[in-house]
Amino acid sequence: MTTLLVDVTCRNYITQERGLVLVNTEVTHSAITCDGSWLATIETRDETDVALELRLKFWQFIHSKKSFVLNSSIELPHDGKVCSIVFQPCSKNLSTSDEINLDYMLTTTGGDKKFRLWVPQDLDSIYRKYPDITVFLAIYSPLYTLHKINFT
């Protein structure tokens, strides 16, 4: 297995302290839309003495800054670990309204034997009022296996 270091924000490095081992937050999964406008990451911090920290983050690429900016952060997107994340392949305008853009739908699968569909939305104010993220939940197959997810 190859480990790659991805620096999304260019800041927030935690260094070791004398006599202590610090557990850093790791980006364990990432996915990017085909046009590069959205990045999704799963961050995990698993320290034995405390509860598991698990976050799904949506990052929007801002062309004027030439950088990704955090749009939304969802704590514990699944009960337990996240197994995979993937944006749907490029499509031709699946959007059904101006409020929900299905062109950037993300699918996550988890150790809880569920998959979830997420749709990121643009920031709508300078005060970072986070939009509601539409979540659809499904469990299927008596064997608790994910057979296939199709996007139309």
Protein backbone atom coordinates (compact mmCIF):
# COMPACT_ATOMS: atom_id res chain seq x y z
CA MET A 1 0.00 0.00 0.00
CA THR A 2 1.31 3.44 -0.93
CA THR A 3 0.84 6.35 1.46
CA LEU A 4 0.60 9.83 -0.02
CA LEU A 5 0.58 13.07 1.93
CA VAL A 6 -2.03 15.56 0.74
CA ASP A 7 -1.74 19.11 2.03
CA VAL A 8 -5.14 20.67 1.41
CA THR A 9 -4.81 23.88 3.42
CA CYS A 10 -1.04 24.56 3.69
CA ARG A 11 -1.30 25.10 7.47
CA ASN A 12 -2.11 23.46 10.82
CA TYR A 13 0.87 21.21 11.28
CA ILE A 14 1.10 19.52 14.68
CA THR A 15 4.56 18.61 15.88
CA GLN A 16 5.50 16.09 18.56
CA GLU A 17 6.01 17.27 22.12
CA ARG A 18 8.75 16.04 24.38
CA GLY A 19 7.79 12.69 25.87
CA LEU A 20 4.37 12.62 24.18
CA VAL A 21 3.16 10.96 21.04
CA LEU A 22 0.53 13.09 19.34
CA VAL A 23 -1.99 11.44 17.06
CA ASN A 24 -2.48 13.62 14.01
CA THR A 25 -5.65 13.80 12.00
CA GLU A 26 -5.20 11.88 8.76
CA VAL A 27 -6.98 12.28 5.46
CA THR A 28 -7.93 8.66 4.82
CA HIS A 29 -10.09 9.13 1.71
CA SER A 30 -10.41 11.83 -0.92
CA ALA A 31 -12.39 12.38 -4.10
CA ILE A 32 -12.52 15.23 -6.58
CA THR A 33 -15.14 16.13 -9.17
CA CYS A 34 -14.23 15.69 -12.81
CA ASP A 35 -14.05 19.46 -13.32
CA GLY A 36 -11.98 19.99 -10.16
CA SER A 37 -14.46 22.38 -8.53
CA TRP A 38 -15.20 20.23 -5.44
CA LEU A 39 -12.98 18.08 -3.24
CA ALA A 40 -14.33 15.76 -0.56
CA THR A 41 -12.13 14.36 2.20
CA ILE A 42 -12.60 11.95 5.07
CA GLU A 43 -10.49 12.88 8.08
CA THR A 44 -9.85 10.35 10.82
CA ARG A 45 -8.19 10.69 14.20
CA ASP A 46 -8.16 7.43 16.09
CA GLU A 47 -6.50 7.78 19.49
CA THR A 48 -6.89 4.86 21.88
CA ASP A 49 -7.78 7.00 24.92
CA VAL A 50 -10.55 9.02 23.28
CA ALA A 51 -13.46 8.45 20.92
CA LEU A 52 -12.94 8.15 17.18
CA GLU A 53 -13.01 11.48 15.35
CA LEU A 54 -14.38 11.16 11.84
CA ARG A 55 -15.32 14.02 9.50
CA LEU A 56 -16.54 14.37 5.94
CA LYS A 57 -15.44 17.72 4.53
CA PHE A 58 -16.47 19.43 1.33
CA TRP A 59 -13.93 21.85 -0.14
CA GLN A 60 -14.85 24.23 -2.96
CA PHE A 61 -12.17 25.47 -5.37
CA ILE A 62 -12.06 29.27 -5.47
CA HIS A 63 -10.35 30.36 -8.68
CA SER A 64 -9.42 33.84 -7.39
CA LYS A 65 -7.54 32.27 -4.46
CA LYS A 66 -6.28 29.29 -6.48
CA SER A 67 -7.09 27.17 -3.45
CA PHE A 68 -9.78 24.98 -1.94
CA VAL A 69 -11.90 26.59 0.79
CA LEU A 70 -13.81 24.58 3.38
CA ASN A 71 -17.52 24.63 2.58
CA SER A 72 -18.99 22.07 5.00
CA SER A 73 -17.83 19.69 7.71
CA ILE A 74 -19.98 16.76 8.79
CA GLU A 75 -19.13 14.94 12.02
CA LEU A 76 -19.50 11.14 11.95
CA PRO A 77 -20.97 10.73 8.44
CA HIS A 78 -21.32 7.00 9.24
CA ASP A 79 -21.47 4.94 12.42
CA GLY A 80 -17.92 3.65 12.41
CA LYS A 81 -15.34 3.87 9.67
CA VAL A 82 -15.85 5.13 6.14
CA CYS A 83 -14.96 2.51 3.52
CA SER A 84 -15.02 4.59 0.33
CA ILE A 85 -16.05 7.90 -1.20
CA VAL A 86 -16.60 8.74 -4.85
CA PHE A 87 -18.16 11.58 -6.82
CA GLN A 88 -20.47 10.54 -9.61
CA PRO A 89 -18.92 10.57 -13.08
CA CYS A 90 -19.29 13.66 -15.25
CA SER A 91 -22.81 14.13 -16.49
CA LYS A 92 -24.83 16.55 -18.52
CA ASN A 93 -26.90 18.60 -16.11
CA LEU A 94 -28.68 16.21 -13.80
CA SER A 95 -29.78 19.18 -11.69
CA THR A 96 -33.48 19.34 -11.07
CA SER A 97 -33.53 22.82 -9.53
CA ASP A 98 -31.31 25.77 -8.74
CA GLU A 99 -31.15 24.74 -5.09
CA ILE A 100 -29.78 21.22 -5.51
CA ASN A 101 -26.99 20.49 -7.98
CA LEU A 102 -26.93 16.75 -8.58
CA ASP A 103 -23.92 17.11 -10.89
CA TYR A 104 -21.68 16.96 -7.81
CA MET A 105 -23.30 14.10 -5.89
CA LEU A 106 -20.92 12.20 -3.59
CA THR A 107 -21.48 8.62 -2.45
CA THR A 108 -19.96 7.34 0.79
CA THR A 109 -20.00 3.77 2.05
CA GLY A 110 -19.40 2.88 5.67
CA GLY A 111 -18.65 0.09 8.07
CA ASP A 112 -22.25 0.52 9.24
CA LYS A 113 -23.30 -1.30 6.02
CA LYS A 114 -24.97 1.81 4.60
CA PHE A 115 -24.30 4.17 1.76
CA ARG A 116 -25.20 7.82 1.74
CA LEU A 117 -25.57 10.36 -1.03
CA TRP A 118 -24.41 13.91 -0.40
CA VAL A 119 -24.85 17.06 -2.47
CA PRO A 120 -22.57 20.03 -1.68
CA GLN A 121 -23.90 23.56 -2.07
CA ASP A 122 -22.21 26.93 -2.57
CA LEU A 123 -21.52 29.16 0.41
CA ASP A 124 -24.25 31.76 0.46
CA SER A 125 -22.81 34.47 2.69
CA ILE A 126 -19.57 35.94 3.97
CA TYR A 127 -20.53 34.72 7.44
CA ARG A 128 -20.15 31.09 6.37
CA LYS A 129 -23.74 30.11 6.99
CA TYR A 130 -23.52 26.44 6.13
CA PRO A 131 -26.28 25.05 3.94
CA ASP A 132 -28.24 21.96 4.78
CA ILE A 133 -26.69 18.96 3.10
CA THR A 134 -29.26 16.69 1.54
CA VAL A 135 -28.69 13.16 2.80
CA PHE A 136 -30.37 10.09 1.36
CA LEU A 137 -29.93 6.86 3.27
CA ALA A 138 -30.33 3.32 2.01
CA ILE A 139 -29.62 -0.17 3.27
CA TYR A 140 -30.10 -3.10 1.01
CA SER A 141 -29.40 -6.78 0.51
CA PRO A 142 -30.05 -9.29 3.28
CA LEU A 143 -26.33 -10.05 3.17
CA TYR A 144 -25.52 -6.39 3.93
CA THR A 145 -23.47 -5.97 0.79
CA LEU A 146 -23.48 -3.05 -1.56
CA HIS A 147 -24.15 -4.52 -4.98
CA LYS A 148 -24.17 -1.51 -7.25
CA ILE A 149 -25.02 2.16 -7.32
CA ASN A 150 -26.06 3.64 -10.64
CA PHE A 151 -26.32 7.29 -11.50
CA THR A 152 -28.76 8.29 -14.20
